[in-house]
C-alpha atoms as a PDB file:
ATOM      1  CA  MET A   1     -33.196   6.938 -12.760  1.00  0.00           C
ATOM      2  CA  ILE A   2     -35.107   6.233  -9.577  1.00  0.00           C
ATOM      3  CA  LYS A   3     -33.106   4.987  -6.631  1.00  0.00           C
ATOM      4  CA  ASN A   4     -34.196   1.556  -5.346  1.00  0.00           C
ATOM      5  CA  LEU A   5     -36.229   0.741  -8.483  1.00  0.00           C
ATOM      6  CA  TYR A   6     -35.051  -2.342 -10.353  1.00  0.00           C
ATOM      7  CA  ILE A   7     -36.416  -3.452 -13.712  1.00  0.00           C
ATOM      8  CA  PHE A   8     -35.830  -7.036 -14.819  1.00  0.00           C
ATOM      9  CA  SER A   9     -36.512  -8.460 -18.256  1.00  0.00           C
ATOM     10  CA  LYS A  10     -34.696 -11.181 -20.114  1.00  0.00           C
ATOM     11  CA  PHE A  11     -36.421 -10.177 -23.342  1.00  0.00           C
ATOM     12  CA  LYS A  12     -34.349  -8.394 -25.990  1.00  0.00           C
ATOM     13  CA  ASN A  13     -34.821  -4.715 -26.819  1.00  0.00           C
ATOM     14  CA  PHE A  14     -36.610  -3.969 -23.577  1.00  0.00           C
ATOM     15  CA  ASN A  15     -36.384  -0.267 -22.724  1.00  0.00           C
ATOM     16  CA  LYS A  16     -35.915  -0.142 -18.950  1.00  0.00           C
ATOM     17  CA  ARG A  17     -35.433   3.630 -18.993  1.00  0.00           C
ATOM     18  CA  SER A  18     -38.995   4.149 -20.230  1.00  0.00           C
ATOM     19  CA  ILE A  19     -40.315   2.106 -17.285  1.00  0.00           C
ATOM     20  CA  HIS A  20     -38.191   4.225 -14.912  1.00  0.00           C
ATOM     21  CA  ASN A  21     -39.642   7.366 -16.523  1.00  0.00           C
ATOM     22  CA  LEU A  22     -43.191   6.075 -16.089  1.00  0.00           C
ATOM     23  CA  VAL A  23     -42.659   5.159 -12.425  1.00  0.00           C
ATOM     24  CA  ALA A  24     -41.000   8.553 -11.802  1.00  0.00           C
ATOM     25  CA  ALA A  25     -44.052  10.327 -13.254  1.00  0.00           C
ATOM     26  CA  LEU A  26     -46.412   8.186 -11.153  1.00  0.00           C
ATOM     27  CA  LYS A  27     -44.280   8.838  -8.061  1.00  0.00           C
ATOM     28  CA  ARG A  28     -44.608  12.607  -8.561  1.00  0.00           C
ATOM     29  CA  GLU A  29     -48.338  12.347  -9.300  1.00  0.00           C
ATOM     30  CA  LEU A  30     -49.314   9.964  -6.495  1.00  0.00           C
ATOM     31  CA  GLY A  31     -46.784  10.940  -3.822  1.00  0.00           C
ATOM     32  CA  PHE A  32     -45.299   7.557  -2.922  1.00  0.00           C
ATOM     33  CA  GLU A  33     -41.704   6.689  -2.017  1.00  0.00           C
ATOM     34  CA  ILE A  34     -39.704   3.595  -2.919  1.00  0.00           C
ATOM     35  CA  SER A  35     -37.641   1.712  -0.345  1.00  0.00           C
ATOM     36  CA  SER A  36     -37.277  -1.175  -2.781  1.00  0.00           C
ATOM     37  CA  LEU A  37     -39.318  -2.040  -5.849  1.00  0.00           C
ATOM     38  CA  ASN A  38     -38.625  -4.735  -8.433  1.00  0.00           C
ATOM     39  CA  ILE A  39     -40.667  -4.775 -11.632  1.00  0.00           C
ATOM     40  CA  ASN A  40     -40.185  -8.104 -13.396  1.00  0.00           C
ATOM     41  CA  PHE A  41     -41.280  -8.715 -16.985  1.00  0.00           C
ATOM     42  CA  ILE A  42     -41.596 -12.477 -17.326  1.00  0.00           C
ATOM     43  CA  SER A  43     -43.237 -15.192 -19.429  1.00  0.00           C
ATOM     44  CA  GLY A  44     -46.744 -16.554 -19.017  1.00  0.00           C
ATOM     45  CA  GLU A  45     -45.265 -19.839 -17.846  1.00  0.00           C
ATOM     46  CA  GLU A  46     -43.260 -18.096 -15.113  1.00  0.00           C
ATOM     47  CA  ILE A  47     -46.216 -16.057 -13.841  1.00  0.00           C
ATOM     48  CA  HIS A  48     -48.369 -19.185 -13.828  1.00  0.00           C
ATOM     49  CA  LYS A  49     -45.834 -20.840 -11.495  1.00  0.00           C
ATOM     50  CA  ILE A  50     -45.797 -17.806  -9.182  1.00  0.00           C
ATOM     51  CA  ASN A  51     -49.602 -17.637  -9.198  1.00  0.00           C
ATOM     52  CA  LYS A  52     -49.885 -21.326  -8.340  1.00  0.00           C
ATOM     53  CA  GLU A  53     -47.160 -21.359  -5.661  1.00  0.00           C
ATOM     54  CA  PHE A  54     -47.928 -18.137  -3.801  1.00  0.00           C
ATOM     55  CA  LEU A  55     -51.604 -17.444  -4.519  1.00  0.00           C
ATOM     56  CA  LYS A  56     -52.842 -21.025  -5.059  1.00  0.00           C
ATOM     57  CA  HIS A  57     -54.365 -20.092  -8.440  1.00  0.00           C
ATOM     58  CA  ASP A  58     -53.664 -22.649 -11.168  1.00  0.00           C
ATOM     59  CA  PHE A  59     -53.803 -20.295 -14.158  1.00  0.00           C
ATOM     60  CA  THR A  60     -51.837 -17.558 -15.846  1.00  0.00           C
ATOM     61  CA  THR A  61     -52.531 -13.887 -15.243  1.00  0.00           C
ATOM     62  CA  ASP A  62     -51.199 -10.610 -16.576  1.00  0.00           C
ATOM     63  CA  ILE A  63     -49.902  -9.185 -13.267  1.00  0.00           C
ATOM     64  CA  ILE A  64     -49.125 -10.173  -9.691  1.00  0.00           C
ATOM     65  CA  THR A  65     -48.120  -7.615  -7.072  1.00  0.00           C
ATOM     66  CA  PHE A  66     -46.539  -8.261  -3.671  1.00  0.00           C
ATOM     67  CA  ASN A  67     -46.329  -5.506  -1.043  1.00  0.00           C
ATOM     68  CA  TYR A  68     -43.883  -6.882   1.528  1.00  0.00           C
ATOM     69  CA  SER A  69     -44.084  -3.996   4.008  1.00  0.00           C
ATOM     70  CA  GLY A  70     -47.791  -3.280   3.743  1.00  0.00           C
ATOM     71  CA  ASN A  71     -46.881   0.425   3.632  1.00  0.00           C
ATOM     72  CA  LYS A  72     -49.030   2.117   0.990  1.00  0.00           C
ATOM     73  CA  LEU A  73     -46.837   5.191   0.492  1.00  0.00           C
ATOM     74  CA  ASP A  74     -43.312   3.776   0.884  1.00  0.00           C
ATOM     75  CA  PHE A  75     -43.037   0.684  -1.285  1.00  0.00           C
ATOM     76  CA  ASP A  76     -41.113  -2.454  -0.510  1.00  0.00           C
ATOM     77  CA  GLY A  77     -42.476  -4.841  -3.071  1.00  0.00           C
ATOM     78  CA  GLU A  78     -42.421  -6.623  -6.383  1.00  0.00           C
ATOM     79  CA  ILE A  79     -44.525  -6.473  -9.501  1.00  0.00           C
ATOM     80  CA  PHE A  80     -44.516  -9.407 -11.926  1.00  0.00           C
ATOM     81  CA  ILE A  81     -45.909  -8.721 -15.411  1.00  0.00           C
ATOM     82  CA  SER A  82     -46.449 -11.484 -17.951  1.00  0.00           C
ATOM     83  CA  LEU A  83     -45.396 -10.279 -21.395  1.00  0.00           C
ATOM     84  CA  ASP A  84     -47.270 -13.208 -22.940  1.00  0.00           C
ATOM     85  CA  ASP A  85     -50.513 -12.167 -21.254  1.00  0.00           C
ATOM     86  CA  ALA A  86     -49.843  -8.494 -22.063  1.00  0.00           C
ATOM     87  CA  LYS A  87     -49.492  -9.409 -25.757  1.00  0.00           C
ATOM     88  CA  PHE A  88     -52.714 -11.448 -25.621  1.00  0.00           C
ATOM     89  CA  ASN A  89     -54.585  -8.596 -23.890  1.00  0.00           C
ATOM     90  CA  SER A  90     -53.278  -5.999 -26.341  1.00  0.00           C
ATOM     91  CA  LYS A  91     -54.769  -8.004 -29.216  1.00  0.00           C
ATOM     92  CA  LYS A  92     -57.983  -8.788 -27.323  1.00  0.00           C
ATOM     93  CA  TYR A  93     -58.599  -5.131 -26.403  1.00  0.00           C
ATOM     94  CA  LYS A  94     -57.155  -3.755 -29.675  1.00  0.00           C
ATOM     95  CA  VAL A  95     -54.464  -1.594 -28.072  1.00  0.00           C
ATOM     96  CA  ASN A  96     -50.753  -1.570 -28.784  1.00  0.00           C
ATOM     97  CA  LEU A  97     -48.386  -3.472 -26.511  1.00  0.00           C
ATOM     98  CA  ARG A  98     -46.840  -0.285 -25.106  1.00  0.00           C
ATOM     99  CA  THR A  99     -50.270   0.910 -23.945  1.00  0.00           C
ATOM    100  CA  GLU A 100     -50.977  -2.450 -22.326  1.00  0.00           C
ATOM    101  CA  LEU A 101     -47.599  -2.474 -20.548  1.00  0.00           C
ATOM    102  CA  THR A 102     -48.216   1.069 -19.301  1.00  0.00           C
ATOM    103  CA  ARG A 103     -51.618  -0.011 -17.999  1.00  0.00           C
ATOM    104  CA  LEU A 104     -50.097  -2.984 -16.197  1.00  0.00           C
ATOM    105  CA  VAL A 105     -47.347  -0.941 -14.512  1.00  0.00           C
ATOM    106  CA  ILE A 106     -49.990   1.578 -13.377  1.00  0.00           C
ATOM    107  CA  HIS A 107     -52.193  -1.289 -12.157  1.00  0.00           C
ATOM    108  CA  GLY A 108     -49.316  -2.724 -10.109  1.00  0.00           C
ATOM    109  CA  ILE A 109     -48.491   0.659  -8.556  1.00  0.00           C
ATOM    110  CA  LEU A 110     -52.153   1.125  -7.617  1.00  0.00           C
ATOM    111  CA  HIS A 111     -52.156  -2.301  -5.953  1.00  0.00           C
ATOM    112  CA  LEU A 112     -49.082  -1.285  -3.933  1.00  0.00           C
ATOM    113  CA  MET A 113     -50.987   1.835  -2.859  1.00  0.00           C
ATOM    114  CA  GLY A 114     -53.794  -0.323  -1.493  1.00  0.00           C
ATOM    115  CA  TYR A 115     -56.235  -0.398  -4.394  1.00  0.00           C
ATOM    116  CA  ASN A 116     -57.966  -3.745  -4.864  1.00  0.00           C
ATOM    117  CA  ASP A 117     -60.038  -5.300  -7.598  1.00  0.00           C
ATOM    118  CA  LEU A 118     -61.809  -8.086  -5.720  1.00  0.00           C
ATOM    119  CA  THR A 119     -65.325  -6.594  -5.682  1.00  0.00           C
ATOM    120  CA  LYS A 120     -67.206  -4.792  -8.428  1.00  0.00           C
ATOM    121  CA  GLU A 121     -67.009  -1.486  -6.516  1.00  0.00           C
ATOM    122  CA  GLU A 122     -63.249  -1.871  -5.940  1.00  0.00           C
ATOM    123  CA  ARG A 123     -62.706  -2.801  -9.602  1.00  0.00           C
ATOM    124  CA  ASN A 124     -64.666   0.239 -10.780  1.00  0.00           C
ATOM    125  CA  LEU A 125     -62.713   2.613  -8.511  1.00  0.00           C
ATOM    126  CA  MET A 126     -59.364   1.096  -9.495  1.00  0.00           C
ATOM    127  CA  LYS A 127     -60.234   1.070 -13.215  1.00  0.00           C
ATOM    128  CA  LYS A 128     -61.257   4.736 -13.086  1.00  0.00           C
ATOM    129  CA  GLU A 129     -57.923   5.755 -11.520  1.00  0.00           C
ATOM    130  CA  GLU A 130     -56.023   3.440 -13.885  1.00  0.00           C
ATOM    131  CA  ASN A 131     -57.733   4.975 -16.926  1.00  0.00           C
ATOM    132  CA  ASN A 132     -57.052   8.546 -15.723  1.00  0.00           C
ATOM    133  CA  LEU A 133     -53.352   7.777 -15.224  1.00  0.00           C
ATOM    134  CA  LEU A 134     -53.134   5.884 -18.519  1.00  0.00           C
ATOM    135  CA  LYS A 135     -54.523   8.888 -20.421  1.00  0.00           C
ATOM    136  CA  LYS A 136     -51.997  11.141 -18.714  1.00  0.00           C
ATOM    137  CA  TYR A 137     -48.864   8.980 -18.990  1.00  0.00           C
ATOM    138  CA  ASN A 138     -49.314   6.614 -21.933  1.00  0.00           C
ATOM    139  CA  PHE A 139     -46.907   8.708 -24.026  1.00  0.00           C
ATOM    140  CA  ILE A 140     -43.920   7.820 -21.809  1.00  0.00           C
ATOM    141  CA  LEU A 141     -43.391   4.340 -23.263  1.00  0.00           C
ATOM    142  CA  LEU A 142     -43.682   5.735 -26.778  1.00  0.00           C
ATOM    143  CA  ARG A 143     -40.224   7.291 -26.463  1.00  0.00           C
ATOM    144  CA  GLY A 144     -38.491   4.038 -27.263  1.00  0.00           C
ATOM    145  CA  LYS A 145     -38.948   0.379 -27.956  1.00  0.00           C
ATOM    146  CA  SER A 146     -40.436  -1.412 -24.979  1.00  0.00           C
ATOM    147  CA  HIS A 147     -40.435  -4.909 -26.435  1.00  0.00           C
ATOM    148  CA  ASN A 148     -40.372  -6.556 -29.857  1.00  0.00           C
END
């Protein structure tokens, strides 16, 4: 288990160990440290509230990332992942939920490292790195149930 990494989910049968394993693999691969990182798996309604309150966006989204220190290699931050939006995206893109959750955790880590997806060029660069990491580490969440 990674020190200073906290996984929160109020959903049943959520395998926190598999998320720890994924973040540990990404940590080795990308060379970041963790001062404090919370990864929160929440509902679409909850992420909508966070999006509206903190980012002034009145809609749901699949992920929101906050980097409190601004340090790109020693994280002090939070990642919020909407399980409702992850389920929707997994059906839309015809991938299983575990693959979508892996993609979202990777996406959040990349945001903490300073990757952005605001412009087309940034999106393309981030998506390329996300896809490379997904191919490499997608198996990690297959070791156990991640969510029913």
